């Protein structure tokens, strides 16, 4: 998608910094021919940083990539990345793989070999100009990108001015992070981190995050029945108005039903209620002193 009159792209795609451009830019034909599902044959988007001025921001982006499962870092006109400097200092564990395996490429190579998504804070407000419009939010991209069957690159621009209009005019899609209208501009590293977080499901399979299973294991019904029986006993012990007990029990069932108590939670409540039911009412005066 090179515009007429643009400089001819580099035939080999760029200078190798640790990974080969061809491997990063080609779809996997073997998977295309296999019976793999759409999700299984998708590869996570590459992350491209154009003309970053600060090595630390490159390291921060590499770290965010490591956090959320992205591996392919493409650099256009990067600053010097000294292994003893800021980039590697900011990269965390990404200094071991993402950053040293980064590939330096030309902007021409990006637009000719990837479905490109330019990330910008400044958008047009209407459809009268299409350089920065229409645009998607990162959350919207997360829903739609799994259907894009092509090598994809998220493209981030310079720290101060981002991507130029000329660069954006050659990019396939625009992405913008919703932010305060009075100050929507984010730091380069922040913008990349937010975007990659929203797109993490494109890189991490289910079960690959550090969070435990979010599915609740509901307490067995016999245990919950004992809990309700204990509540009924407590209401009786408290002399709760008899005409209100049925309604109160129904309310308690609804509350516990929405909460989906685990076995441990149900047992804890059961123990507390049992103690409350069996404990003498200390507010009553001593019968001998009446």
C-alpha atoms as a PDB file:
ATOM      1  CA  UNK A   1       0.000   0.000   0.000  1.00  0.00           C
ATOM      2  CA  UNK A   2       2.799   2.377  -0.967  1.00  0.00           C
ATOM      3  CA  UNK A   3       1.539   5.772  -2.138  1.00  0.00           C
ATOM      4  CA  UNK A   4       2.493   6.849  -5.645  1.00  0.00           C
ATOM      5  CA  UNK A   5       5.765   8.758  -5.531  1.00  0.00           C
ATOM      6  CA  UNK A   6       6.973   7.207  -2.271  1.00  0.00           C
ATOM      7  CA  UNK A   7      10.556   6.042  -2.096  1.00  0.00           C
ATOM      8  CA  UNK A   8      11.055   2.444  -3.147  1.00  0.00           C
ATOM      9  CA  UNK A   9      11.161   0.138  -0.151  1.00  0.00           C
ATOM     10  CA  UNK A  10      14.259  -1.720   0.923  1.00  0.00           C
ATOM     11  CA  UNK A  11      14.240  -5.068  -0.852  1.00  0.00           C
ATOM     12  CA  UNK A  12      15.211  -7.080   2.201  1.00  0.00           C
ATOM     13  CA  UNK A  13      12.885  -5.164   4.523  1.00  0.00           C
ATOM     14  CA  UNK A  14      15.444  -3.756   6.972  1.00  0.00           C
ATOM     15  CA  UNK A  15      18.439  -4.392   9.159  1.00  0.00           C
ATOM     16  CA  UNK A  16      18.420  -7.500  11.348  1.00  0.00           C
ATOM     17  CA  UNK A  17      18.853  -6.709  15.053  1.00  0.00           C
ATOM     18  CA  UNK A  18      18.302 -10.234  16.312  1.00  0.00           C
ATOM     19  CA  UNK A  19      15.337 -11.708  14.437  1.00  0.00           C
ATOM     20  CA  UNK A  20      14.638 -12.171  10.745  1.00  0.00           C
ATOM     21  CA  UNK A  21      12.135  -9.929   9.046  1.00  0.00           C
ATOM     22  CA  UNK A  22      10.919 -12.702   6.746  1.00  0.00           C
ATOM     23  CA  UNK A  23       9.856 -14.862   9.679  1.00  0.00           C
ATOM     24  CA  UNK A  24       8.064 -11.943  11.287  1.00  0.00           C
ATOM     25  CA  UNK A  25       6.301 -10.882   8.126  1.00  0.00           C
ATOM     26  CA  UNK A  26       5.060 -14.112   6.557  1.00  0.00           C
ATOM     27  CA  UNK A  27       1.892 -16.007   7.473  1.00  0.00           C
ATOM     28  CA  UNK A  28       2.310 -19.633   8.426  1.00  0.00           C
ATOM     29  CA  UNK A  29       1.185 -21.580   5.347  1.00  0.00           C
ATOM     30  CA  UNK A  30       1.285 -24.884   7.185  1.00  0.00           C
ATOM     31  CA  UNK A  31      -1.362 -23.690   9.614  1.00  0.00           C
ATOM     32  CA  UNK A  32      -3.434 -22.268   6.791  1.00  0.00           C
ATOM     33  CA  UNK A  33      -3.632 -25.750   5.251  1.00  0.00           C
ATOM     34  CA  UNK A  34      -4.299 -27.509   8.527  1.00  0.00           C
ATOM     35  CA  UNK A  35      -7.583 -27.965  10.335  1.00  0.00           C
ATOM     36  CA  UNK A  36      -6.588 -25.468  13.045  1.00  0.00           C
ATOM     37  CA  UNK A  37      -9.284 -23.104  14.238  1.00  0.00           C
ATOM     38  CA  UNK A  38      -9.189 -19.402  13.391  1.00  0.00           C
ATOM     39  CA  UNK A  39      -8.048 -18.578  16.937  1.00  0.00           C
ATOM     40  CA  UNK A  40      -5.319 -21.245  16.905  1.00  0.00           C
ATOM     41  CA  UNK A  41      -3.721 -20.114  13.664  1.00  0.00           C
ATOM     42  CA  UNK A  42      -3.697 -16.414  14.499  1.00  0.00           C
ATOM     43  CA  UNK A  43      -0.340 -15.047  15.618  1.00  0.00           C
ATOM     44  CA  UNK A  44      -0.226 -12.117  18.042  1.00  0.00           C
ATOM     45  CA  UNK A  45       0.272  -8.704  16.427  1.00  0.00           C
ATOM     46  CA  UNK A  46       3.797  -7.348  16.156  1.00  0.00           C
ATOM     47  CA  UNK A  47       4.546  -4.099  17.975  1.00  0.00           C
ATOM     48  CA  UNK A  48       6.272  -1.409  15.912  1.00  0.00           C
ATOM     49  CA  UNK A  49       7.842   1.736  17.362  1.00  0.00           C
ATOM     50  CA  UNK A  50       8.631   4.531  14.916  1.00  0.00           C
ATOM     51  CA  UNK A  51      11.514   6.904  15.546  1.00  0.00           C
ATOM     52  CA  UNK A  52      11.544   6.652  19.341  1.00  0.00           C
ATOM     53  CA  UNK A  53      13.887   9.254  20.827  1.00  0.00           C
ATOM     54  CA  UNK A  54      14.324   7.726  24.264  1.00  0.00           C
ATOM     55  CA  UNK A  55      15.786   4.235  24.755  1.00  0.00           C
ATOM     56  CA  UNK A  56      13.888   3.972  28.030  1.00  0.00           C
ATOM     57  CA  UNK A  57      10.550   4.093  26.221  1.00  0.00           C
ATOM     58  CA  UNK A  58      11.624   1.246  23.950  1.00  0.00           C
ATOM     59  CA  UNK A  59      12.511  -0.758  27.047  1.00  0.00           C
ATOM     60  CA  UNK A  60       9.185   0.090  28.682  1.00  0.00           C
ATOM     61  CA  UNK A  61       7.278  -1.091  25.618  1.00  0.00           C
ATOM     62  CA  UNK A  62       9.316  -4.303  25.513  1.00  0.00           C
ATOM     63  CA  UNK A  63       8.436  -4.897  29.160  1.00  0.00           C
ATOM     64  CA  UNK A  64       4.721  -4.354  28.469  1.00  0.00           C
ATOM     65  CA  UNK A  65       4.967  -6.821  25.599  1.00  0.00           C
ATOM     66  CA  UNK A  66       6.461  -9.388  27.968  1.00  0.00           C
ATOM     67  CA  UNK A  67       3.697  -8.696  30.520  1.00  0.00           C
ATOM     68  CA  UNK A  68       0.926  -9.422  28.043  1.00  0.00           C
ATOM     69  CA  UNK A  69       2.430 -12.147  25.867  1.00  0.00           C
ATOM     70  CA  UNK A  70       3.634 -10.237  22.782  1.00  0.00           C
ATOM     71  CA  UNK A  71       7.033 -11.156  21.340  1.00  0.00           C
ATOM     72  CA  UNK A  72       7.668  -9.488  17.966  1.00  0.00           C
ATOM     73  CA  UNK A  73       9.170  -6.000  18.390  1.00  0.00           C
ATOM     74  CA  UNK A  74       9.828  -3.955  15.229  1.00  0.00           C
ATOM     75  CA  UNK A  75      11.856  -0.748  15.383  1.00  0.00           C
ATOM     76  CA  UNK A  76      11.872   2.008  12.768  1.00  0.00           C
ATOM     77  CA  UNK A  77      14.840   4.413  13.118  1.00  0.00           C
ATOM     78  CA  UNK A  78      15.454   3.425  16.745  1.00  0.00           C
ATOM     79  CA  UNK A  79      17.867   5.098  19.156  1.00  0.00           C
ATOM     80  CA  UNK A  80      20.961   3.194  20.173  1.00  0.00           C
ATOM     81  CA  UNK A  81      19.984   0.350  22.482  1.00  0.00           C
ATOM     82  CA  UNK A  82      22.993  -0.162  24.704  1.00  0.00           C
ATOM     83  CA  UNK A  83      22.781  -3.440  26.685  1.00  0.00           C
ATOM     84  CA  UNK A  84      24.074  -1.451  29.658  1.00  0.00           C
ATOM     85  CA  UNK A  85      21.762   1.511  29.068  1.00  0.00           C
ATOM     86  CA  UNK A  86      18.213   2.693  29.713  1.00  0.00           C
ATOM     87  CA  UNK A  87      16.397   0.411  27.303  1.00  0.00           C
ATOM     88  CA  UNK A  88      17.637  -2.776  28.915  1.00  0.00           C
ATOM     89  CA  UNK A  89      17.305  -1.238  32.369  1.00  0.00           C
ATOM     90  CA  UNK A  90      13.618  -0.479  31.805  1.00  0.00           C
ATOM     91  CA  UNK A  91      12.823  -3.746  30.027  1.00  0.00           C
ATOM     92  CA  UNK A  92      12.753  -6.033  33.072  1.00  0.00           C
ATOM     93  CA  UNK A  93      12.715  -9.682  31.988  1.00  0.00           C
ATOM     94  CA  UNK A  94      12.055  -8.558  28.415  1.00  0.00           C
ATOM     95  CA  UNK A  95      15.792  -7.821  28.249  1.00  0.00           C
ATOM     96  CA  UNK A  96      16.279 -11.574  27.897  1.00  0.00           C
ATOM     97  CA  UNK A  97      14.199 -12.120  24.744  1.00  0.00           C
ATOM     98  CA  UNK A  98      11.856  -9.401  23.426  1.00  0.00           C
ATOM     99  CA  UNK A  99      14.395  -6.581  23.336  1.00  0.00           C
ATOM    100  CA  UNK A 100      17.491  -8.426  22.026  1.00  0.00           C
ATOM    101  CA  UNK A 101      15.328 -10.128  19.385  1.00  0.00           C
ATOM    102  CA  UNK A 102      13.905  -6.836  18.106  1.00  0.00           C
ATOM    103  CA  UNK A 103      14.102  -6.264  14.364  1.00  0.00           C
ATOM    104  CA  UNK A 104      14.947  -2.950  12.767  1.00  0.00           C
ATOM    105  CA  UNK A 105      12.790  -2.323   9.689  1.00  0.00           C
ATOM    106  CA  UNK A 106      11.823   0.551   7.431  1.00  0.00           C
ATOM    107  CA  UNK A 107       8.409   2.215   7.541  1.00  0.00           C
ATOM    108  CA  UNK A 108       7.934   1.059   3.958  1.00  0.00           C
ATOM    109  CA  UNK A 109       8.424  -2.524   5.093  1.00  0.00           C
ATOM    110  CA  UNK A 110       5.773  -2.138   7.755  1.00  0.00           C
ATOM    111  CA  UNK A 111       3.031  -0.908   5.440  1.00  0.00           C
ATOM    112  CA  UNK A 112       3.900  -3.369   2.685  1.00  0.00           C
ATOM    113  CA  UNK A 113       4.047  -6.518   4.818  1.00  0.00           C
ATOM    114  CA  UNK A 114       1.586  -5.966   7.685  1.00  0.00           C
ATOM    115  CA  UNK A 115      -1.973  -4.977   8.328  1.00  0.00           C
ATOM    116  CA  UNK A 116      -1.030  -1.799  10.195  1.00  0.00           C
ATOM    117  CA  UNK A 117      -2.859  -0.138  13.062  1.00  0.00           C
ATOM    118  CA  UNK A 118      -1.583   3.332  13.907  1.00  0.00           C
ATOM    119  CA  UNK A 119      -2.016   4.420  17.507  1.00  0.00           C
ATOM    120  CA  UNK A 120      -2.665   8.138  18.022  1.00  0.00           C
ATOM    121  CA  UNK A 121      -4.158  10.369  20.705  1.00  0.00           C
ATOM    122  CA  UNK A 122      -5.358  13.017  18.240  1.00  0.00           C
ATOM    123  CA  UNK A 123      -8.310  12.128  16.024  1.00  0.00           C
ATOM    124  CA  UNK A 124     -10.600  14.022  13.668  1.00  0.00           C
ATOM    125  CA  UNK A 125     -14.098  14.598  14.953  1.00  0.00           C
ATOM    126  CA  UNK A 126     -15.952  13.845  11.756  1.00  0.00           C
ATOM    127  CA  UNK A 127     -15.822  12.005   8.457  1.00  0.00           C
ATOM    128  CA  UNK A 128     -14.739  15.037   6.421  1.00  0.00           C
ATOM    129  CA  UNK A 129     -11.110  13.960   6.854  1.00  0.00           C
ATOM    130  CA  UNK A 130      -9.907  10.384   6.842  1.00  0.00           C
ATOM    131  CA  UNK A 131      -6.301  10.688   7.941  1.00  0.00           C
ATOM    132  CA  UNK A 132      -7.263  10.132  11.579  1.00  0.00           C
ATOM    133  CA  UNK A 133     -10.853   8.988  11.087  1.00  0.00           C
ATOM    134  CA  UNK A 134     -12.559   6.592  11.570  1.00  0.00           C
ATOM    135  CA  UNK A 135     -10.796   5.112  14.559  1.00  0.00           C
ATOM    136  CA  UNK A 136     -11.265   2.240  17.007  1.00  0.00           C
ATOM    137  CA  UNK A 137     -10.534   2.005  20.701  1.00  0.00           C
ATOM    138  CA  UNK A 138      -8.215  -0.782  21.923  1.00  0.00           C
ATOM    139  CA  UNK A 139     -11.236  -2.594  23.391  1.00  0.00           C
ATOM    140  CA  UNK A 140     -12.981  -2.533  20.011  1.00  0.00           C
ATOM    141  CA  UNK A 141      -9.843  -3.858  18.345  1.00  0.00           C
ATOM    142  CA  UNK A 142      -9.753  -6.722  20.833  1.00  0.00           C
ATOM    143  CA  UNK A 143     -13.172  -7.829  19.584  1.00  0.00           C
ATOM    144  CA  UNK A 144     -12.400  -7.449  15.891  1.00  0.00           C
ATOM    145  CA  UNK A 145      -8.729  -8.318  15.332  1.00  0.00           C
ATOM    146  CA  UNK A 146      -9.163 -12.078  15.840  1.00  0.00           C
ATOM    147  CA  UNK A 147     -10.985 -12.074  12.499  1.00  0.00           C
ATOM    148  CA  UNK A 148      -8.105 -10.428  10.604  1.00  0.00           C
ATOM    149  CA  UNK A 149      -6.237 -13.177   8.819  1.00  0.00           C
ATOM    150  CA  UNK A 150      -3.005 -11.318   8.076  1.00  0.00           C
ATOM    151  CA  UNK A 151       0.252 -10.413   9.827  1.00  0.00           C
ATOM    152  CA  UNK A 152      -0.693  -7.404  11.952  1.00  0.00           C
ATOM    153  CA  UNK A 153       1.416  -4.638  13.491  1.00  0.00           C
ATOM    154  CA  UNK A 154       0.453  -2.098  16.154  1.00  0.00           C
ATOM    155  CA  UNK A 155       2.357   1.058  15.234  1.00  0.00           C
ATOM    156  CA  UNK A 156       3.362   3.632  17.861  1.00  0.00           C
ATOM    157  CA  UNK A 157       4.990   6.943  17.010  1.00  0.00           C
ATOM    158  CA  UNK A 158       7.376   9.423  18.554  1.00  0.00           C
ATOM    159  CA  UNK A 159       7.222  10.636  22.141  1.00  0.00           C
ATOM    160  CA  UNK A 160       6.277  14.249  21.360  1.00  0.00           C
ATOM    161  CA  UNK A 161       4.463  14.232  18.017  1.00  0.00           C
ATOM    162  CA  UNK A 162       3.428  10.618  17.524  1.00  0.00           C
ATOM    163  CA  UNK A 163       2.850   9.497  13.951  1.00  0.00           C
ATOM    164  CA  UNK A 164       2.746  12.161  11.245  1.00  0.00           C
ATOM    165  CA  UNK A 165      -0.244  12.655   8.968  1.00  0.00           C
ATOM    166  CA  UNK A 166       1.836  11.340   6.082  1.00  0.00           C
ATOM    167  CA  UNK A 167       2.602   8.143   7.996  1.00  0.00           C
ATOM    168  CA  UNK A 168      -1.006   7.751   9.143  1.00  0.00           C
ATOM    169  CA  UNK A 169      -2.237   8.152   5.567  1.00  0.00           C
ATOM    170  CA  UNK A 170      -0.390   4.952   4.660  1.00  0.00           C
ATOM    171  CA  UNK A 171      -1.717   2.920   7.603  1.00  0.00           C
ATOM    172  CA  UNK A 172      -4.733   0.613   7.407  1.00  0.00           C
ATOM    173  CA  UNK A 173      -6.501   1.460  10.665  1.00  0.00           C
ATOM    174  CA  UNK A 174      -6.376   4.041  13.433  1.00  0.00           C
ATOM    175  CA  UNK A 175      -6.575   3.283  17.158  1.00  0.00           C
ATOM    176  CA  UNK A 176      -7.061   5.821  19.926  1.00  0.00           C
ATOM    177  CA  UNK A 177      -7.329   5.432  23.698  1.00  0.00           C
ATOM    178  CA  UNK A 178     -10.336   7.211  25.270  1.00  0.00           C
ATOM    179  CA  UNK A 179      -9.004   9.849  27.651  1.00  0.00           C
ATOM    180  CA  UNK A 180      -9.793  13.230  29.188  1.00  0.00           C
ATOM    181  CA  UNK A 181     -10.590  15.643  26.343  1.00  0.00           C
ATOM    182  CA  UNK A 182      -8.628  18.365  28.120  1.00  0.00           C
ATOM    183  CA  UNK A 183      -5.445  16.272  28.065  1.00  0.00           C
ATOM    184  CA  UNK A 184      -5.715  13.095  25.963  1.00  0.00           C
ATOM    185  CA  UNK A 185      -1.996  12.728  25.193  1.00  0.00           C
ATOM    186  CA  UNK A 186      -0.307   9.814  26.942  1.00  0.00           C
ATOM    187  CA  UNK A 187       3.334   8.967  27.397  1.00  0.00           C
ATOM    188  CA  UNK A 188       4.507   6.565  24.675  1.00  0.00           C
ATOM    189  CA  UNK A 189       5.158   3.768  27.143  1.00  0.00           C
ATOM    190  CA  UNK A 190       1.784   4.295  28.852  1.00  0.00           C
ATOM    191  CA  UNK A 191      -0.102   4.231  25.554  1.00  0.00           C
ATOM    192  CA  UNK A 192       1.564   0.986  24.494  1.00  0.00           C
ATOM    193  CA  UNK A 193       0.943  -0.629  27.874  1.00  0.00           C
ATOM    194  CA  UNK A 194      -2.775   0.219  27.861  1.00  0.00           C
ATOM    195  CA  UNK A 195      -3.225  -0.966  24.285  1.00  0.00           C
ATOM    196  CA  UNK A 196      -1.381  -4.250  24.838  1.00  0.00           C
ATOM    197  CA  UNK A 197      -3.344  -4.902  28.010  1.00  0.00           C
ATOM    198  CA  UNK A 198      -6.616  -4.549  26.106  1.00  0.00           C
ATOM    199  CA  UNK A 199      -5.329  -6.884  23.369  1.00  0.00           C
ATOM    200  CA  UNK A 200      -3.774  -9.458  25.724  1.00  0.00           C
ATOM    201  CA  UNK A 201      -6.246 -12.171  24.700  1.00  0.00           C
ATOM    202  CA  UNK A 202      -4.667 -12.112  21.221  1.00  0.00           C
ATOM    203  CA  UNK A 203      -1.367 -13.234  22.758  1.00  0.00           C
ATOM    204  CA  UNK A 204      -2.275 -15.179  25.896  1.00  0.00           C
ATOM    205  CA  UNK A 205      -4.404 -18.297  25.784  1.00  0.00           C
ATOM    206  CA  UNK A 206      -6.905 -19.071  28.501  1.00  0.00           C
ATOM    207  CA  UNK A 207      -5.067 -20.140  31.630  1.00  0.00           C
ATOM    208  CA  UNK A 208      -1.795 -18.387  30.741  1.00  0.00           C
ATOM    209  CA  UNK A 209      -2.262 -15.437  33.108  1.00  0.00           C
ATOM    210  CA  UNK A 210      -1.234 -15.471  36.749  1.00  0.00           C
ATOM    211  CA  UNK A 211      -4.846 -15.094  37.889  1.00  0.00           C
ATOM    212  CA  UNK A 212      -6.533 -18.262  39.172  1.00  0.00           C
ATOM    213  CA  UNK A 213      -9.655 -19.700  37.633  1.00  0.00           C
ATOM    214  CA  UNK A 214     -12.351 -17.064  37.935  1.00  0.00           C
ATOM    215  CA  UNK A 215     -15.166 -19.612  37.914  1.00  0.00           C
ATOM    216  CA  UNK A 216     -16.821 -19.911  41.291  1.00  0.00           C
ATOM    217  CA  UNK A 217     -17.150 -23.383  42.823  1.00  0.00           C
ATOM    218  CA  UNK A 218     -20.543 -23.181  44.502  1.00  0.00           C
ATOM    219  CA  UNK A 219     -21.032 -24.830  47.863  1.00  0.00           C
ATOM    220  CA  UNK A 220     -23.022 -28.104  47.689  1.00  0.00           C
ATOM    221  CA  UNK A 221     -26.751 -27.719  48.146  1.00  0.00           C
ATOM    222  CA  UNK A 222     -26.980 -29.850  51.342  1.00  0.00           C
ATOM    223  CA  UNK A 223     -24.501 -27.466  53.013  1.00  0.00           C
ATOM    224  CA  UNK A 224     -26.516 -24.440  51.899  1.00  0.00           C
ATOM    225  CA  UNK A 225     -29.698 -26.081  53.244  1.00  0.00           C
ATOM    226  CA  UNK A 226     -27.973 -26.464  56.631  1.00  0.00           C
ATOM    227  CA  UNK A 227     -27.038 -22.797  56.469  1.00  0.00           C
ATOM    228  CA  UNK A 228     -30.657 -21.808  55.834  1.00  0.00           C
ATOM    229  CA  UNK A 229     -31.846 -24.081  58.653  1.00  0.00           C
ATOM    230  CA  UNK A 230     -29.380 -22.404  60.981  1.00  0.00           C
ATOM    231  CA  UNK A 231     -30.710 -19.000  59.956  1.00  0.00           C
ATOM    232  CA  UNK A 232     -34.239 -20.211  60.729  1.00  0.00           C
ATOM    233  CA  UNK A 233     -33.099 -21.362  64.161  1.00  0.00           C
ATOM    234  CA  UNK A 234     -31.458 -17.998  64.812  1.00  0.00           C
ATOM    235  CA  UNK A 235     -34.578 -16.080  63.812  1.00  0.00           C
ATOM    236  CA  UNK A 236     -36.564 -18.181  66.240  1.00  0.00           C
ATOM    237  CA  UNK A 237     -33.982 -17.656  68.996  1.00  0.00           C
ATOM    238  CA  UNK A 238     -34.118 -13.914  68.396  1.00  0.00           C
ATOM    239  CA  UNK A 239     -37.917 -13.926  68.599  1.00  0.00           C
ATOM    240  CA  UNK A 240     -38.078 -12.467  65.139  1.00  0.00           C
ATOM    241  CA  UNK A 241     -41.769 -11.796  64.374  1.00  0.00           C
ATOM    242  CA  UNK A 242     -43.182 -15.074  63.164  1.00  0.00           C
ATOM    243  CA  UNK A 243     -45.196 -13.450  60.391  1.00  0.00           C
ATOM    244  CA  UNK A 244     -41.981 -11.980  58.945  1.00  0.00           C
ATOM    245  CA  UNK A 245     -39.801 -15.091  59.069  1.00  0.00           C
ATOM    246  CA  UNK A 246     -40.855 -16.574  55.736  1.00  0.00           C
ATOM    247  CA  UNK A 247     -40.168 -13.310  53.897  1.00  0.00           C
ATOM    248  CA  UNK A 248     -36.832 -12.885  55.707  1.00  0.00           C
ATOM    249  CA  UNK A 249     -35.747 -16.408  54.800  1.00  0.00           C
ATOM    250  CA  UNK A 250     -36.689 -15.815  51.170  1.00  0.00           C
ATOM    251  CA  UNK A 251     -34.584 -12.637  51.159  1.00  0.00           C
ATOM    252  CA  UNK A 252     -31.617 -14.511  52.663  1.00  0.00           C
ATOM    253  CA  UNK A 253     -31.881 -17.204  49.997  1.00  0.00           C
ATOM    254  CA  UNK A 254     -31.831 -14.541  47.271  1.00  0.00           C
ATOM    255  CA  UNK A 255     -28.767 -12.834  48.768  1.00  0.00           C
ATOM    256  CA  UNK A 256     -26.812 -16.066  49.153  1.00  0.00           C
ATOM    257  CA  UNK A 257     -28.021 -17.240  45.745  1.00  0.00           C
ATOM    258  CA  UNK A 258     -26.540 -14.177  44.024  1.00  0.00           C
ATOM    259  CA  UNK A 259     -23.305 -14.532  45.994  1.00  0.00           C
ATOM    260  CA  UNK A 260     -22.703 -18.188  44.972  1.00  0.00           C
ATOM    261  CA  UNK A 261     -21.003 -19.022  48.265  1.00  0.00           C
ATOM    262  CA  UNK A 262     -18.034 -21.341  48.163  1.00  0.00           C
ATOM    263  CA  UNK A 263     -17.913 -24.309  50.522  1.00  0.00           C
ATOM    264  CA  UNK A 264     -15.485 -22.507  52.814  1.00  0.00           C
ATOM    265  CA  UNK A 265     -17.648 -19.374  52.925  1.00  0.00           C
ATOM    266  CA  UNK A 266     -20.780 -21.374  53.664  1.00  0.00           C
ATOM    267  CA  UNK A 267     -19.053 -23.293  56.465  1.00  0.00           C
ATOM    268  CA  UNK A 268     -17.768 -20.041  57.975  1.00  0.00           C
ATOM    269  CA  UNK A 269     -21.236 -18.477  58.009  1.00  0.00           C
ATOM    270  CA  UNK A 270     -22.716 -21.697  59.367  1.00  0.00           C
ATOM    271  CA  UNK A 271     -20.252 -21.696  62.262  1.00  0.00           C
ATOM    272  CA  UNK A 272     -20.947 -18.061  63.099  1.00  0.00           C
ATOM    273  CA  UNK A 273     -24.694 -18.554  63.013  1.00  0.00           C
ATOM    274  CA  UNK A 274     -24.466 -21.672  65.166  1.00  0.00           C
ATOM    275  CA  UNK A 275     -22.492 -19.800  67.798  1.00  0.00           C
ATOM    276  CA  UNK A 276     -24.946 -16.881  67.676  1.00  0.00           C
ATOM    277  CA  UNK A 277     -27.886 -19.257  68.054  1.00  0.00           C
ATOM    278  CA  UNK A 278     -26.400 -21.230  70.944  1.00  0.00           C
ATOM    279  CA  UNK A 279     -24.914 -18.271  72.828  1.00  0.00           C
ATOM    280  CA  UNK A 280     -27.118 -16.994  75.714  1.00  0.00           C
ATOM    281  CA  UNK A 281     -28.530 -13.491  75.305  1.00  0.00           C
ATOM    282  CA  UNK A 282     -26.310 -11.462  77.629  1.00  0.00           C
ATOM    283  CA  UNK A 283     -28.569  -8.441  77.279  1.00  0.00           C
ATOM    284  CA  UNK A 284     -31.168 -10.133  79.523  1.00  0.00           C
ATOM    285  CA  UNK A 285     -30.680  -9.530  83.232  1.00  0.00           C
ATOM    286  CA  UNK A 286     -29.686 -12.438  85.413  1.00  0.00           C
ATOM    287  CA  UNK A 287     -32.920 -14.323  86.258  1.00  0.00           C
ATOM    288  CA  UNK A 288     -31.831 -14.384  89.906  1.00  0.00           C
ATOM    289  CA  UNK A 289     -31.665 -10.581  89.977  1.00  0.00           C
ATOM    290  CA  UNK A 290     -35.069  -9.929  88.475  1.00  0.00           C
END
